[in-house]
PDB file of N, CA and C in Angstrom:
ATOM      1  N   MET A   1      96.324 287.415  22.158  1.00  0.00           N
ATOM      2  CA  MET A   1      96.596 287.343  23.680  1.00  0.00           C
ATOM      3  C   MET A   1      95.870 288.436  24.237  1.00  0.00           C
ATOM      4  N   PHE A   2      95.306 288.262  25.324  1.00  0.00           N
ATOM      5  CA  PHE A   2      94.429 289.023  26.399  1.00  0.00           C
ATOM      6  C   PHE A   2      94.882 289.658  27.612  1.00  0.00           C
ATOM      7  N   ILE A   3      94.556 290.766  28.084  1.00  0.00           N
ATOM      8  CA  ILE A   3      94.924 291.334  29.463  1.00  0.00           C
ATOM      9  C   ILE A   3      93.422 291.356  29.696  1.00  0.00           C
ATOM     10  N   VAL A   4      93.399 290.746  31.036  1.00  0.00           N
ATOM     11  CA  VAL A   4      91.950 290.844  31.725  1.00  0.00           C
ATOM     12  C   VAL A   4      92.269 291.558  32.806  1.00  0.00           C
ATOM     13  N   MET A   5      91.431 292.872  33.103  1.00  0.00           N
ATOM     14  CA  MET A   5      91.542 293.664  34.358  1.00  0.00           C
ATOM     15  C   MET A   5      90.171 293.578  35.043  1.00  0.00           C
ATOM     16  N   LEU A   6      90.318 293.156  36.231  1.00  0.00           N
ATOM     17  CA  LEU A   6      89.349 292.856  37.243  1.00  0.00           C
ATOM     18  C   LEU A   6      89.344 294.173  38.112  1.00  0.00           C
ATOM     19  N   LYS A   7      88.100 294.848  38.346  1.00  0.00           N
ATOM     20  CA  LYS A   7      88.020 295.879  39.352  1.00  0.00           C
ATOM     21  C   LYS A   7      86.814 295.491  40.317  1.00  0.00           C
ATOM     22  N   TYR A   8      87.383 295.453  41.481  1.00  0.00           N
ATOM     23  CA  TYR A   8      86.628 295.117  42.661  1.00  0.00           C
ATOM     24  C   TYR A   8      85.185 296.146  42.687  1.00  0.00           C
ATOM     25  N   LYS A   9      84.085 295.249  43.033  1.00  0.00           N
ATOM     26  CA  LYS A   9      82.882 296.113  43.238  1.00  0.00           C
ATOM     27  C   LYS A   9      82.290 296.161  44.455  1.00  0.00           C
ATOM     28  N   THR A  10      82.932 295.188  45.411  1.00  0.00           N
ATOM     29  CA  THR A  10      82.587 294.937  46.969  1.00  0.00           C
ATOM     30  C   THR A  10      83.768 295.463  47.727  1.00  0.00           C
ATOM     31  N   SER A  11      83.383 295.171  49.091  1.00  0.00           N
ATOM     32  CA  SER A  11      84.613 295.681  49.992  1.00  0.00           C
ATOM     33  C   SER A  11      85.600 294.556  49.925  1.00  0.00           C
ATOM     34  N   LEU A  12      86.761 294.898  50.489  1.00  0.00           N
ATOM     35  CA  LEU A  12      87.935 293.813  50.630  1.00  0.00           C
ATOM     36  C   LEU A  12      87.636 292.505  51.469  1.00  0.00           C
ATOM     37  N   ASN A  13      86.844 292.831  52.483  1.00  0.00           N
ATOM     38  CA  ASN A  13      86.257 291.786  53.098  1.00  0.00           C
ATOM     39  C   ASN A  13      85.464 290.711  52.254  1.00  0.00           C
ATOM     40  N   GLN A  14      84.600 291.192  51.639  1.00  0.00           N
ATOM     41  CA  GLN A  14      83.854 290.236  50.582  1.00  0.00           C
ATOM     42  C   GLN A  14      85.009 289.642  49.570  1.00  0.00           C
ATOM     43  N   VAL A  15      85.905 290.337  49.066  1.00  0.00           N
ATOM     44  CA  VAL A  15      86.845 289.895  48.332  1.00  0.00           C
ATOM     45  C   VAL A  15      87.538 289.040  48.894  1.00  0.00           C
ATOM     46  N   ASP A  16      88.163 289.156  49.992  1.00  0.00           N
ATOM     47  CA  ASP A  16      88.851 288.127  50.971  1.00  0.00           C
ATOM     48  C   ASP A  16      88.067 286.439  51.243  1.00  0.00           C
ATOM     49  N   ASP A  17      86.818 286.656  51.426  1.00  0.00           N
ATOM     50  CA  ASP A  17      85.876 285.753  51.502  1.00  0.00           C
ATOM     51  C   ASP A  17      85.845 284.584  50.526  1.00  0.00           C
ATOM     52  N   VAL A  18      86.264 285.314  49.068  1.00  0.00           N
ATOM     53  CA  VAL A  18      86.187 284.519  47.953  1.00  0.00           C
ATOM     54  C   VAL A  18      87.486 284.259  47.338  1.00  0.00           C
ATOM     55  N   VAL A  19      88.611 284.651  47.829  1.00  0.00           N
ATOM     56  CA  VAL A  19      89.942 284.789  47.162  1.00  0.00           C
ATOM     57  C   VAL A  19      90.395 283.237  46.860  1.00  0.00           C
ATOM     58  N   ALA A  20      90.243 282.339  47.992  1.00  0.00           N
ATOM     59  CA  ALA A  20      90.800 281.104  47.920  1.00  0.00           C
ATOM     60  C   ALA A  20      89.950 280.406  46.578  1.00  0.00           C
ATOM     61  N   ALA A  21      88.772 280.484  46.542  1.00  0.00           N
ATOM     62  CA  ALA A  21      88.116 279.861  45.366  1.00  0.00           C
ATOM     63  C   ALA A  21      88.495 280.428  44.132  1.00  0.00           C
ATOM     64  N   HIS A  22      88.655 281.882  44.007  1.00  0.00           N
ATOM     65  CA  HIS A  22      89.332 282.399  42.825  1.00  0.00           C
ATOM     66  C   HIS A  22      90.779 281.990  42.365  1.00  0.00           C
ATOM     67  N   ARG A  23      91.448 281.813  43.503  1.00  0.00           N
ATOM     68  CA  ARG A  23      92.874 281.171  43.215  1.00  0.00           C
ATOM     69  C   ARG A  23      92.838 279.746  42.776  1.00  0.00           C
ATOM     70  N   ALA A  24      91.775 278.988  43.201  1.00  0.00           N
ATOM     71  CA  ALA A  24      91.651 277.609  42.384  1.00  0.00           C
ATOM     72  C   ALA A  24      91.074 277.891  41.336  1.00  0.00           C
ATOM     73  N   PHE A  25      90.314 278.793  40.833  1.00  0.00           N
ATOM     74  CA  PHE A  25      89.973 279.181  39.593  1.00  0.00           C
ATOM     75  C   PHE A  25      91.097 279.283  38.525  1.00  0.00           C
ATOM     76  N   LEU A  26      92.015 280.256  39.141  1.00  0.00           N
ATOM     77  CA  LEU A  26      93.393 280.411  38.485  1.00  0.00           C
ATOM     78  C   LEU A  26      94.308 279.557  38.292  1.00  0.00           C
ATOM     79  N   ASP A  27      94.492 278.344  39.140  1.00  0.00           N
ATOM     80  CA  ASP A  27      95.240 277.167  39.074  1.00  0.00           C
ATOM     81  C   ASP A  27      94.506 276.505  38.107  1.00  0.00           C
ATOM     82  N   GLU A  28      93.436 276.289  38.279  1.00  0.00           N
ATOM     83  CA  GLU A  28      92.715 275.522  36.633  1.00  0.00           C
ATOM     84  C   GLU A  28      93.031 275.934  35.418  1.00  0.00           C
ATOM     85  N   GLY A  29      93.040 277.398  35.446  1.00  0.00           N
ATOM     86  CA  GLY A  29      93.412 278.223  33.963  1.00  0.00           C
ATOM     87  C   GLY A  29      94.814 277.913  33.652  1.00  0.00           C
ATOM     88  N   TYR A  30      95.566 277.742  34.764  1.00  0.00           N
ATOM     89  CA  TYR A  30      97.171 277.656  34.428  1.00  0.00           C
ATOM     90  C   TYR A  30      97.265 276.048  33.786  1.00  0.00           C
ATOM     91  N   GLU A  31      96.324 275.125  34.676  1.00  0.00           N
ATOM     92  CA  GLU A  31      96.597 273.792  34.369  1.00  0.00           C
ATOM     93  C   GLU A  31      96.380 273.641  32.899  1.00  0.00           C
ATOM     94  N   LYS A  32      95.354 274.416  32.286  1.00  0.00           N
ATOM     95  CA  LYS A  32      94.550 274.188  31.105  1.00  0.00           C
ATOM     96  C   LYS A  32      95.386 275.101  30.070  1.00  0.00           C
ATOM     97  N   ASN A  33      96.429 275.805  30.699  1.00  0.00           N
ATOM     98  CA  ASN A  33      97.416 276.486  29.499  1.00  0.00           C
ATOM     99  C   ASN A  33      96.795 277.952  29.158  1.00  0.00           C
ATOM    100  N   TYR A  34      95.834 278.295  29.940  1.00  0.00           N
ATOM    101  CA  TYR A  34      95.209 279.406  29.341  1.00  0.00           C
ATOM    102  C   TYR A  34      95.629 280.620  29.725  1.00  0.00           C
ATOM    103  N   PHE A  35      96.496 280.859  30.937  1.00  0.00           N
ATOM    104  CA  PHE A  35      97.007 281.767  31.788  1.00  0.00           C
ATOM    105  C   PHE A  35      98.541 281.757  31.534  1.00  0.00           C
ATOM    106  N   LEU A  36      98.998 282.794  31.689  1.00  0.00           N
ATOM    107  CA  LEU A  36     100.326 283.318  31.774  1.00  0.00           C
ATOM    108  C   LEU A  36     100.870 283.772  32.902  1.00  0.00           C
ATOM    109  N   ALA A  37     100.089 284.778  33.442  1.00  0.00           N
ATOM    110  CA  ALA A  37     100.404 285.730  34.776  1.00  0.00           C
ATOM    111  C   ALA A  37      99.287 286.220  35.202  1.00  0.00           C
ATOM    112  N   SER A  38      99.180 286.267  36.582  1.00  0.00           N
ATOM    113  CA  SER A  38      98.127 286.987  37.298  1.00  0.00           C
ATOM    114  C   SER A  38      98.485 287.527  38.743  1.00  0.00           C
ATOM    115  N   GLY A  39      97.837 288.480  39.044  1.00  0.00           N
ATOM    116  CA  GLY A  39      97.967 288.943  40.424  1.00  0.00           C
ATOM    117  C   GLY A  39      97.003 290.198  40.763  1.00  0.00           C
ATOM    118  N   PRO A  40      97.477 290.815  41.867  1.00  0.00           N
ATOM    119  CA  PRO A  40      96.712 291.898  42.416  1.00  0.00           C
ATOM    120  C   PRO A  40      97.205 292.958  41.943  1.00  0.00           C
ATOM    121  N   MET A  41      96.112 293.997  41.548  1.00  0.00           N
ATOM    122  CA  MET A  41      96.654 295.522  41.196  1.00  0.00           C
ATOM    123  C   MET A  41      97.112 296.229  42.617  1.00  0.00           C
ATOM    124  N   ASN A  42      98.107 297.070  42.524  1.00  0.00           N
ATOM    125  CA  ASN A  42      98.561 297.949  43.613  1.00  0.00           C
ATOM    126  C   ASN A  42      98.270 299.320  43.239  1.00  0.00           C
ATOM    127  N   PRO A  43      97.576 300.078  44.233  1.00  0.00           N
ATOM    128  CA  PRO A  43      96.984 299.318  45.316  1.00  0.00           C
ATOM    129  C   PRO A  43      95.814 298.381  44.860  1.00  0.00           C
ATOM    130  N   ARG A  44      95.264 297.768  46.001  1.00  0.00           N
ATOM    131  CA  ARG A  44      94.536 296.454  45.869  1.00  0.00           C
ATOM    132  C   ARG A  44      93.100 296.852  45.466  1.00  0.00           C
ATOM    133  N   SER A  45      92.880 297.142  44.461  1.00  0.00           N
ATOM    134  CA  SER A  45      91.629 297.736  43.896  1.00  0.00           C
ATOM    135  C   SER A  45      90.762 296.441  42.620  1.00  0.00           C
ATOM    136  N   GLY A  46      91.605 295.556  42.605  1.00  0.00           N
ATOM    137  CA  GLY A  46      91.313 294.437  41.623  1.00  0.00           C
ATOM    138  C   GLY A  46      92.254 293.625  41.252  1.00  0.00           C
ATOM    139  N   GLY A  47      92.543 293.090  40.038  1.00  0.00           N
ATOM    140  CA  GLY A  47      93.589 292.292  39.778  1.00  0.00           C
ATOM    141  C   GLY A  47      93.669 292.093  38.038  1.00  0.00           C
ATOM    142  N   VAL A  48      94.922 291.508  37.591  1.00  0.00           N
ATOM    143  CA  VAL A  48      95.049 291.268  36.370  1.00  0.00           C
ATOM    144  C   VAL A  48      95.523 289.768  35.978  1.00  0.00           C
ATOM    145  N   ILE A  49      94.895 289.478  34.726  1.00  0.00           N
ATOM    146  CA  ILE A  49      95.403 287.998  34.377  1.00  0.00           C
ATOM    147  C   ILE A  49      95.595 288.296  32.834  1.00  0.00           C
ATOM    148  N   LEU A  50      97.006 287.841  32.568  1.00  0.00           N
ATOM    149  CA  LEU A  50      97.400 287.749  31.376  1.00  0.00           C
ATOM    150  C   LEU A  50      97.340 286.425  30.615  1.00  0.00           C
ATOM    151  N   THR A  51      96.598 286.376  29.585  1.00  0.00           N
ATOM    152  CA  THR A  51      96.209 285.151  29.071  1.00  0.00           C
ATOM    153  C   THR A  51      96.988 284.882  27.381  1.00  0.00           C
ATOM    154  N   ARG A  52      96.875 283.565  27.317  1.00  0.00           N
ATOM    155  CA  ARG A  52      97.437 283.294  25.995  1.00  0.00           C
ATOM    156  C   ARG A  52      96.595 283.771  24.990  1.00  0.00           C
ATOM    157  N   ALA A  53      96.822 283.511  23.525  1.00  0.00           N
ATOM    158  CA  ALA A  53      95.932 283.626  22.615  1.00  0.00           C
ATOM    159  C   ALA A  53      94.987 282.524  22.549  1.00  0.00           C
ATOM    160  N   LEU A  54      93.914 282.876  22.730  1.00  0.00           N
ATOM    161  CA  LEU A  54      92.787 281.733  22.461  1.00  0.00           C
ATOM    162  C   LEU A  54      91.520 282.615  22.028  1.00  0.00           C
ATOM    163  N   PRO A  55      90.429 281.638  21.563  1.00  0.00           N
ATOM    164  CA  PRO A  55      89.338 282.319  21.088  1.00  0.00           C
ATOM    165  C   PRO A  55      88.644 283.132  22.028  1.00  0.00           C
ATOM    166  N   ARG A  56      88.074 284.497  21.660  1.00  0.00           N
ATOM    167  CA  ARG A  56      87.231 285.313  22.748  1.00  0.00           C
ATOM    168  C   ARG A  56      86.204 284.352  23.433  1.00  0.00           C
ATOM    169  N   THR A  57      85.347 283.859  22.557  1.00  0.00           N
ATOM    170  CA  THR A  57      84.371 282.899  23.146  1.00  0.00           C
ATOM    171  C   THR A  57      84.838 282.086  24.308  1.00  0.00           C
ATOM    172  N   THR A  58      85.903 281.410  24.128  1.00  0.00           N
ATOM    173  CA  THR A  58      86.487 280.565  24.958  1.00  0.00           C
ATOM    174  C   THR A  58      86.952 281.201  26.136  1.00  0.00           C
ATOM    175  N   LEU A  59      87.440 282.415  26.103  1.00  0.00           N
ATOM    176  CA  LEU A  59      87.976 283.222  27.270  1.00  0.00           C
ATOM    177  C   LEU A  59      86.574 283.606  28.123  1.00  0.00           C
ATOM    178  N   ASP A  60      85.662 284.225  27.439  1.00  0.00           N
ATOM    179  CA  ASP A  60      84.453 284.559  28.169  1.00  0.00           C
ATOM    180  C   ASP A  60      83.701 283.374  28.844  1.00  0.00           C
ATOM    181  N   ALA A  61      83.786 282.149  28.273  1.00  0.00           N
ATOM    182  CA  ALA A  61      83.242 281.091  28.926  1.00  0.00           C
ATOM    183  C   ALA A  61      84.001 280.850  30.099  1.00  0.00           C
ATOM    184  N   VAL A  62      85.457 280.932  30.107  1.00  0.00           N
ATOM    185  CA  VAL A  62      86.293 280.507  31.183  1.00  0.00           C
ATOM    186  C   VAL A  62      86.218 281.705  32.491  1.00  0.00           C
ATOM    187  N   LEU A  63      86.087 282.773  32.011  1.00  0.00           N
ATOM    188  CA  LEU A  63      85.944 283.892  33.072  1.00  0.00           C
ATOM    189  C   LEU A  63      84.497 283.671  33.732  1.00  0.00           C
ATOM    190  N   GLN A  64      83.625 283.206  33.069  1.00  0.00           N
ATOM    191  CA  GLN A  64      81.987 283.090  33.829  1.00  0.00           C
ATOM    192  C   GLN A  64      82.370 282.039  34.868  1.00  0.00           C
ATOM    193  N   ASN A  65      83.303 281.288  35.071  1.00  0.00           N
ATOM    194  CA  ASN A  65      83.453 280.299  35.906  1.00  0.00           C
ATOM    195  C   ASN A  65      84.461 280.833  37.105  1.00  0.00           C
ATOM    196  N   ASP A  66      84.967 281.998  36.916  1.00  0.00           N
ATOM    197  CA  ASP A  66      85.616 282.662  38.219  1.00  0.00           C
ATOM    198  C   ASP A  66      84.624 283.020  39.200  1.00  0.00           C
ATOM    199  N   PRO A  67      84.755 282.456  40.436  1.00  0.00           N
ATOM    200  CA  PRO A  67      83.911 282.880  41.543  1.00  0.00           C
ATOM    201  C   PRO A  67      83.708 284.206  41.718  1.00  0.00           C
ATOM    202  N   PHE A  68      84.876 285.116  41.406  1.00  0.00           N
ATOM    203  CA  PHE A  68      84.836 286.769  41.324  1.00  0.00           C
ATOM    204  C   PHE A  68      83.395 286.969  40.650  1.00  0.00           C
ATOM    205  N   TYR A  69      83.306 286.425  39.526  1.00  0.00           N
ATOM    206  CA  TYR A  69      82.278 286.662  38.447  1.00  0.00           C
ATOM    207  C   TYR A  69      81.204 286.332  39.149  1.00  0.00           C
ATOM    208  N   ARG A  70      81.094 284.892  39.483  1.00  0.00           N
ATOM    209  CA  ARG A  70      79.831 284.344  39.867  1.00  0.00           C
ATOM    210  C   ARG A  70      79.231 285.018  41.040  1.00  0.00           C
ATOM    211  N   GLU A  71      80.203 285.630  41.890  1.00  0.00           N
ATOM    212  CA  GLU A  71      79.723 286.069  43.141  1.00  0.00           C
ATOM    213  C   GLU A  71      79.434 287.594  43.182  1.00  0.00           C
ATOM    214  N   GLY A  72      79.458 288.123  41.775  1.00  0.00           N
ATOM    215  CA  GLY A  72      79.322 289.564  41.638  1.00  0.00           C
ATOM    216  C   GLY A  72      80.392 290.403  42.489  1.00  0.00           C
ATOM    217  N   ILE A  73      81.715 289.894  42.636  1.00  0.00           N
ATOM    218  CA  ILE A  73      82.881 290.588  43.396  1.00  0.00           C
ATOM    219  C   ILE A  73      83.561 291.753  42.304  1.00  0.00           C
ATOM    220  N   ALA A  74      83.820 291.207  41.178  1.00  0.00           N
ATOM    221  CA  ALA A  74      84.367 292.223  40.135  1.00  0.00           C
ATOM    222  C   ALA A  74      83.698 292.272  38.844  1.00  0.00           C
ATOM    223  N   ASP A  75      84.259 293.559  38.350  1.00  0.00           N
ATOM    224  CA  ASP A  75      83.561 293.782  36.955  1.00  0.00           C
ATOM    225  C   ASP A  75      85.033 293.373  36.152  1.00  0.00           C
ATOM    226  N   TYR A  76      84.773 292.908  34.879  1.00  0.00           N
ATOM    227  CA  TYR A  76      85.903 292.697  34.027  1.00  0.00           C
ATOM    228  C   TYR A  76      85.773 293.412  32.725  1.00  0.00           C
ATOM    229  N   GLU A  77      87.284 293.944  32.490  1.00  0.00           N
ATOM    230  CA  GLU A  77      87.472 294.596  31.231  1.00  0.00           C
ATOM    231  C   GLU A  77      88.715 293.858  30.416  1.00  0.00           C
ATOM    232  N   VAL A  78      88.170 293.350  29.299  1.00  0.00           N
ATOM    233  CA  VAL A  78      89.414 292.697  28.512  1.00  0.00           C
ATOM    234  C   VAL A  78      89.803 293.239  27.203  1.00  0.00           C
ATOM    235  N   VAL A  79      91.318 293.291  27.389  1.00  0.00           N
ATOM    236  CA  VAL A  79      91.964 293.990  26.076  1.00  0.00           C
ATOM    237  C   VAL A  79      92.586 293.062  25.312  1.00  0.00           C
ATOM    238  N   GLU A  80      92.338 293.028  24.090  1.00  0.00           N
ATOM    239  CA  GLU A  80      93.145 292.032  23.209  1.00  0.00           C
ATOM    240  C   GLU A  80      94.149 292.889  22.567  1.00  0.00           C
ATOM    241  N   PHE A  81      95.414 292.178  22.515  1.00  0.00           N
ATOM    242  CA  PHE A  81      96.555 292.677  21.703  1.00  0.00           C
ATOM    243  C   PHE A  81      97.134 291.676  21.143  1.00  0.00           C
ATOM    244  N   ASP A  82      98.002 292.106  20.059  1.00  0.00           N
ATOM    245  CA  ASP A  82      98.910 291.089  19.313  1.00  0.00           C
ATOM    246  C   ASP A  82     100.429 291.705  19.891  1.00  0.00           C
ATOM    247  N   PRO A  83     101.018 290.752  20.306  1.00  0.00           N
ATOM    248  CA  PRO A  83     102.480 291.126  21.104  1.00  0.00           C
ATOM    249  C   PRO A  83     103.383 291.015  19.563  1.00  0.00           C
ATOM    250  N   VAL A  84     103.995 291.953  19.371  1.00  0.00           N
ATOM    251  CA  VAL A  84     104.799 292.021  18.124  1.00  0.00           C
ATOM    252  C   VAL A  84     106.377 291.884  18.535  1.00  0.00           C
ATOM    253  N   LYS A  85     106.686 292.493  19.738  1.00  0.00           N
ATOM    254  CA  LYS A  85     108.043 292.456  20.356  1.00  0.00           C
ATOM    255  C   LYS A  85     107.664 292.001  21.878  1.00  0.00           C
ATOM    256  N   CYS A  86     108.880 291.139  22.355  1.00  0.00           N
ATOM    257  CA  CYS A  86     108.609 290.665  23.706  1.00  0.00           C
ATOM    258  C   CYS A  86     109.896 289.973  24.034  1.00  0.00           C
ATOM    259  N   THR A  87     110.128 289.639  25.297  1.00  0.00           N
ATOM    260  CA  THR A  87     111.612 289.218  25.481  1.00  0.00           C
ATOM    261  C   THR A  87     111.613 287.652  24.981  1.00  0.00           C
ATOM    262  N   ALA A  88     112.776 287.236  25.083  1.00  0.00           N
ATOM    263  CA  ALA A  88     112.920 285.432  24.493  1.00  0.00           C
ATOM    264  C   ALA A  88     112.050 284.633  25.577  1.00  0.00           C
ATOM    265  N   GLY A  89     112.172 284.956  26.942  1.00  0.00           N
ATOM    266  CA  GLY A  89     111.440 284.248  27.922  1.00  0.00           C
ATOM    267  C   GLY A  89     109.730 284.224  27.611  1.00  0.00           C
ATOM    268  N   MET A  90     109.141 285.326  27.151  1.00  0.00           N
ATOM    269  CA  MET A  90     108.019 285.782  26.886  1.00  0.00           C
ATOM    270  C   MET A  90     107.654 284.779  25.531  1.00  0.00           C
ATOM    271  N   THR A  91     108.499 284.822  24.595  1.00  0.00           N
ATOM    272  CA  THR A  91     108.374 284.233  23.380  1.00  0.00           C
ATOM    273  C   THR A  91     108.280 282.619  23.680  1.00  0.00           C
ATOM    274  N   ALA A  92     109.111 282.268  24.531  1.00  0.00           N
ATOM    275  CA  ALA A  92     109.038 280.701  24.638  1.00  0.00           C
ATOM    276  C   ALA A  92     107.701 280.397  25.597  1.00  0.00           C
ATOM    277  N   ALA A  93     107.261 281.231  26.275  1.00  0.00           N
ATOM    278  CA  ALA A  93     106.104 280.938  27.027  1.00  0.00           C
ATOM    279  C   ALA A  93     105.037 280.994  26.154  1.00  0.00           C
ATOM    280  N   LEU A  94     104.913 281.885  25.167  1.00  0.00           N
ATOM    281  CA  LEU A  94     103.738 281.854  24.216  1.00  0.00           C
ATOM    282  C   LEU A  94     103.503 280.695  23.226  1.00  0.00           C
ATOM    283  N   ALA A  95     104.933 280.163  22.979  1.00  0.00           N
ATOM    284  CA  ALA A  95     105.096 278.809  22.176  1.00  0.00           C
ATOM    285  C   ALA A  95     104.494 277.542  22.847  1.00  0.00           C
ATOM    286  N   LYS A  96     104.314 277.803  24.173  1.00  0.00           N
ATOM    287  CA  LYS A  96     104.049 276.335  24.729  1.00  0.00           C
ATOM    288  C   LYS A  96     102.470 276.046  24.819  1.00  0.00           C
TER     289      LYS A  96
END
């Protein structure tokens, strides 16, 4: 499982110009069952994507299709972890 942390490196005006395309990218990731949750950081300095366990090479390829990546809007930090404890709801989500 991965936590992907995006940190904006442009103005929020530039982020807002690409946010609709970024959300379409996220929708595709949910449809392909890659993503579990996503949303902006608070304060709005970037965002977070929680992913399923998938090969790191697959995740890297997926993230390169993010308009925020293609347009140079954000830097990405990817943290891999193995969840050993979680809620029943999360266990069910991970099993899908």
